[in-house]
C-alpha atoms as a PDB file:
ATOM      1  CA  UNK A   1     106.156  34.435  33.953  1.00  0.00           C
ATOM      2  CA  UNK A   2     108.906  34.483  31.335  1.00  0.00           C
ATOM      3  CA  UNK A   3     106.416  35.779  28.721  1.00  0.00           C
ATOM      4  CA  UNK A   4     105.371  38.602  31.060  1.00  0.00           C
ATOM      5  CA  UNK A   5     108.979  39.771  31.436  1.00  0.00           C
ATOM      6  CA  UNK A   6     109.386  39.970  27.653  1.00  0.00           C
ATOM      7  CA  UNK A   7     106.210  42.023  27.335  1.00  0.00           C
ATOM      8  CA  UNK A   8     107.361  44.509  29.976  1.00  0.00           C
ATOM      9  CA  UNK A   9     110.790  44.768  28.347  1.00  0.00           C
ATOM     10  CA  UNK A  10     109.235  45.412  24.940  1.00  0.00           C
ATOM     11  CA  UNK A  11     106.961  48.109  26.368  1.00  0.00           C
ATOM     12  CA  UNK A  12     109.885  49.891  28.048  1.00  0.00           C
ATOM     13  CA  UNK A  13     112.181  49.655  25.021  1.00  0.00           C
ATOM     14  CA  UNK A  14     109.632  51.113  22.575  1.00  0.00           C
ATOM     15  CA  UNK A  15     110.965  54.260  20.905  1.00  0.00           C
ATOM     16  CA  UNK A  16     109.352  57.588  21.680  1.00  0.00           C
ATOM     17  CA  UNK A  17     107.204  59.053  18.905  1.00  0.00           C
ATOM     18  CA  UNK A  18     109.206  61.210  16.535  1.00  0.00           C
ATOM     19  CA  UNK A  19     108.019  64.786  16.073  1.00  0.00           C
ATOM     20  CA  UNK A  20     108.729  66.132  12.617  1.00  0.00           C
ATOM     21  CA  UNK A  21     109.592  69.821  12.658  1.00  0.00           C
ATOM     22  CA  UNK A  22     107.443  71.865  10.306  1.00  0.00           C
ATOM     23  CA  UNK A  23     107.866  75.461   9.306  1.00  0.00           C
ATOM     24  CA  UNK A  24     105.299  77.704  10.986  1.00  0.00           C
ATOM     25  CA  UNK A  25     102.232  78.359   8.882  1.00  0.00           C
ATOM     26  CA  UNK A  26     102.198  81.690   7.080  1.00  0.00           C
ATOM     27  CA  UNK A  27      98.415  81.927   7.435  1.00  0.00           C
ATOM     28  CA  UNK A  28      95.644  80.482   9.603  1.00  0.00           C
ATOM     29  CA  UNK A  29      95.022  76.776   9.035  1.00  0.00           C
ATOM     30  CA  UNK A  30      91.297  77.461   8.532  1.00  0.00           C
ATOM     31  CA  UNK A  31      92.107  79.330   5.303  1.00  0.00           C
ATOM     32  CA  UNK A  32      93.982  76.356   3.846  1.00  0.00           C
ATOM     33  CA  UNK A  33      92.287  74.014   1.395  1.00  0.00           C
ATOM     34  CA  UNK A  34      91.779  70.344   2.236  1.00  0.00           C
ATOM     35  CA  UNK A  35      94.545  69.446  -0.247  1.00  0.00           C
ATOM     36  CA  UNK A  36      96.998  71.857   1.431  1.00  0.00           C
ATOM     37  CA  UNK A  37      96.194  70.457   4.874  1.00  0.00           C
ATOM     38  CA  UNK A  38      96.585  66.896   3.610  1.00  0.00           C
ATOM     39  CA  UNK A  39      99.991  67.752   2.099  1.00  0.00           C
ATOM     40  CA  UNK A  40     101.078  69.504   5.316  1.00  0.00           C
ATOM     41  CA  UNK A  41     100.008  66.531   7.469  1.00  0.00           C
ATOM     42  CA  UNK A  42     101.752  63.958   5.266  1.00  0.00           C
ATOM     43  CA  UNK A  43     104.224  61.966   7.330  1.00  0.00           C
ATOM     44  CA  UNK A  44     102.873  63.230  10.662  1.00  0.00           C
ATOM     45  CA  UNK A  45     101.142  61.008  13.207  1.00  0.00           C
ATOM     46  CA  UNK A  46      97.609  62.140  14.015  1.00  0.00           C
ATOM     47  CA  UNK A  47      98.814  62.725  17.590  1.00  0.00           C
ATOM     48  CA  UNK A  48     101.706  64.988  16.545  1.00  0.00           C
ATOM     49  CA  UNK A  49     101.417  68.528  17.997  1.00  0.00           C
ATOM     50  CA  UNK A  50     101.828  69.993  14.476  1.00  0.00           C
ATOM     51  CA  UNK A  51      99.131  67.800  12.869  1.00  0.00           C
ATOM     52  CA  UNK A  52      96.232  69.954  11.633  1.00  0.00           C
ATOM     53  CA  UNK A  53      92.685  68.853  12.404  1.00  0.00           C
ATOM     54  CA  UNK A  54      89.509  70.512  11.168  1.00  0.00           C
ATOM     55  CA  UNK A  55      86.121  70.573  12.853  1.00  0.00           C
ATOM     56  CA  UNK A  56      82.768  71.794  11.682  1.00  0.00           C
ATOM     57  CA  UNK A  57      81.149  74.110  14.190  1.00  0.00           C
ATOM     58  CA  UNK A  58      77.505  75.214  14.079  1.00  0.00           C
ATOM     59  CA  UNK A  59      77.108  78.880  13.244  1.00  0.00           C
ATOM     60  CA  UNK A  60      74.943  80.781  15.691  1.00  0.00           C
ATOM     61  CA  UNK A  61      71.614  81.807  14.188  1.00  0.00           C
ATOM     62  CA  UNK A  62      71.551  79.096  11.547  1.00  0.00           C
ATOM     63  CA  UNK A  63      70.082  75.617  11.712  1.00  0.00           C
ATOM     64  CA  UNK A  64      72.181  74.237   8.874  1.00  0.00           C
ATOM     65  CA  UNK A  65      75.234  76.452   8.267  1.00  0.00           C
ATOM     66  CA  UNK A  66      78.523  75.262   9.738  1.00  0.00           C
ATOM     67  CA  UNK A  67      81.930  76.901   9.886  1.00  0.00           C
ATOM     68  CA  UNK A  68      85.090  74.884   9.179  1.00  0.00           C
ATOM     69  CA  UNK A  69      87.696  75.603  11.851  1.00  0.00           C
ATOM     70  CA  UNK A  70      91.199  74.141  11.574  1.00  0.00           C
ATOM     71  CA  UNK A  71      94.064  74.213  14.082  1.00  0.00           C
ATOM     72  CA  UNK A  72      97.089  72.114  14.955  1.00  0.00           C
ATOM     73  CA  UNK A  73      96.734  69.645  17.828  1.00  0.00           C
ATOM     74  CA  UNK A  74      98.846  71.996  19.958  1.00  0.00           C
ATOM     75  CA  UNK A  75      96.550  74.960  19.189  1.00  0.00           C
ATOM     76  CA  UNK A  76      93.399  72.881  19.901  1.00  0.00           C
ATOM     77  CA  UNK A  77      94.930  71.913  23.271  1.00  0.00           C
ATOM     78  CA  UNK A  78      95.677  75.561  24.133  1.00  0.00           C
ATOM     79  CA  UNK A  79      92.143  76.599  23.135  1.00  0.00           C
ATOM     80  CA  UNK A  80      90.667  73.811  25.279  1.00  0.00           C
ATOM     81  CA  UNK A  81      92.764  74.836  28.297  1.00  0.00           C
ATOM     82  CA  UNK A  82      91.854  78.523  27.845  1.00  0.00           C
ATOM     83  CA  UNK A  83      88.137  77.700  27.484  1.00  0.00           C
ATOM     84  CA  UNK A  84      88.200  75.663  30.680  1.00  0.00           C
ATOM     85  CA  UNK A  85      90.008  78.460  32.529  1.00  0.00           C
ATOM     86  CA  UNK A  86      87.489  81.030  31.267  1.00  0.00           C
ATOM     87  CA  UNK A  87      84.643  78.820  32.491  1.00  0.00           C
ATOM     88  CA  UNK A  88      86.230  78.421  35.926  1.00  0.00           C
ATOM     89  CA  UNK A  89      86.824  82.178  36.173  1.00  0.00           C
ATOM     90  CA  UNK A  90      83.185  82.883  35.277  1.00  0.00           C
ATOM     91  CA  UNK A  91      81.838  80.402  37.817  1.00  0.00           C
ATOM     92  CA  UNK A  92      84.174  81.744  40.515  1.00  0.00           C
ATOM     93  CA  UNK A  93      83.179  85.326  39.725  1.00  0.00           C
ATOM     94  CA  UNK A  94      79.451  84.730  39.973  1.00  0.00           C
ATOM     95  CA  UNK A  95      79.531  82.256  42.864  1.00  0.00           C
ATOM     96  CA  UNK A  96      81.386  84.745  45.049  1.00  0.00           C
ATOM     97  CA  UNK A  97      78.744  87.441  44.431  1.00  0.00           C
ATOM     98  CA  UNK A  98      75.890  85.533  45.996  1.00  0.00           C
ATOM     99  CA  UNK A  99      72.291  85.821  44.929  1.00  0.00           C
ATOM    100  CA  UNK A 100      71.224  88.284  47.599  1.00  0.00           C
ATOM    101  CA  UNK A 101      68.740  85.705  48.884  1.00  0.00           C
ATOM    102  CA  UNK A 102      69.057  84.722  52.561  1.00  0.00           C
ATOM    103  CA  UNK A 103      70.070  81.056  53.017  1.00  0.00           C
ATOM    104  CA  UNK A 104      66.851  80.265  54.908  1.00  0.00           C
ATOM    105  CA  UNK A 105      64.544  81.366  52.056  1.00  0.00           C
ATOM    106  CA  UNK A 106      63.881  80.041  48.584  1.00  0.00           C
ATOM    107  CA  UNK A 107      64.036  82.865  46.053  1.00  0.00           C
END
């Protein structure tokens, strides 16, 4: 029991992660080289909102070509939220229209 109390105390007393303020980028992160991104990310935790992450995304119409897209964690989060909202809006739009098929028939 005494050991459990120490564990809880240590978990509560842990310091909050420190966010290092960075100057805003003067250009899109995707145009930066890997070395520039590495230098920018130096000292930042990978969970920091300013930390830049790159992903390779398949280019439409090509089986092998991929585009390198880079954004900060905060920008990736905003893009994810916007994509989800767009999907919900699309589903809501088309589900309210109906198919024109009566419910008793299979069309």
